[in-house]
Amino acid sequence: MQHMIRGGLLALIFACCSTVQAADATMDDPLSQHVLAAMSRTTTWGHPDQMGEFAGMRYYADHNYAKAMKWFLEGARYADKLSQLSIGLMYLNGEGVDKDPVTAYAWVAIAAERQYPQFVATRDAIWDQLDDAQRQRAKTIYDTLYATYGDTVAKARMTHALRMARLDTMDFYLGSEVDTISAGGPAGACAAPTIEGAPVIGCSTRDYYAAWRWRPNKYFETRDALWTGTVSVGDAEQVKDNKSGH
């Protein structure tokens, strides 16, 4: 299941933005459409990282790049690496913004800080296209962006969001914290919209109430696991972080 999700997300982002080779590819293939449909049916209440990612993908698929950028920026603030990568690739290909490989590199470098192999390979491919002056500017932009979007602050922001959501919907026992949301508890907030106009499902599913979705360390570990395995898209291989200095 994780392999399918990872493959589907990679198909989405690399079909629409095609890493360094700006592409004529679309998001109309069956796998991309399947992932987009799943995003529209899944609640992201309490998870602003996924909210930004899912909404950004849907608006990108509709070629509404301004709204896609708005939502990817929201996901990026909450440590969503796919949102950060998407922003970088939009800058790389000039979608909704002027083409800017320097800013593209900075965003993709932030997206690659957890060493997801495909993200690292994309970062290094952009780096190889920059001249020395551009590389210096890219590092400066990286440092500026990292102060807001790097894991040091963005993960803390996401941790706070998860904890606030848990306080709204979880049962507590004296002296110990319950790890899962109570399926029969006050889950009315699950009816909140996830993406503008999209139907919401999932509030009664085992996945929604699972501990990993609400315990920050486990949540990051599970999300990272989608990207740290062997990637079966193209000929990408794991690339060592030896070029950027970041």
Foldseek 3Di string as FASTA:
>chain_A
DLLLLLQLLCCLLCQCLVQQDRDPGALPDPSSVVNLLVLLAAFCVLPLLSLLVNQLSVCVNVLVNVRSLVSLVSNLLQQNLSSLLSVLSCLCNVRVHDNDLLCSLLSLCLSCPVQQQVSLVSSVVSVVVDDPVSLVSSVVSNVVVCVRRHCVRNLVVSLVSLVVVCVVFADQDVPDRDQWGDLPTDPPCQCDRSHVPGGYDDSNDPVNGDSLCRHSVSVVVVVVVSRNDDRDDPPTDRDDPDPNPD
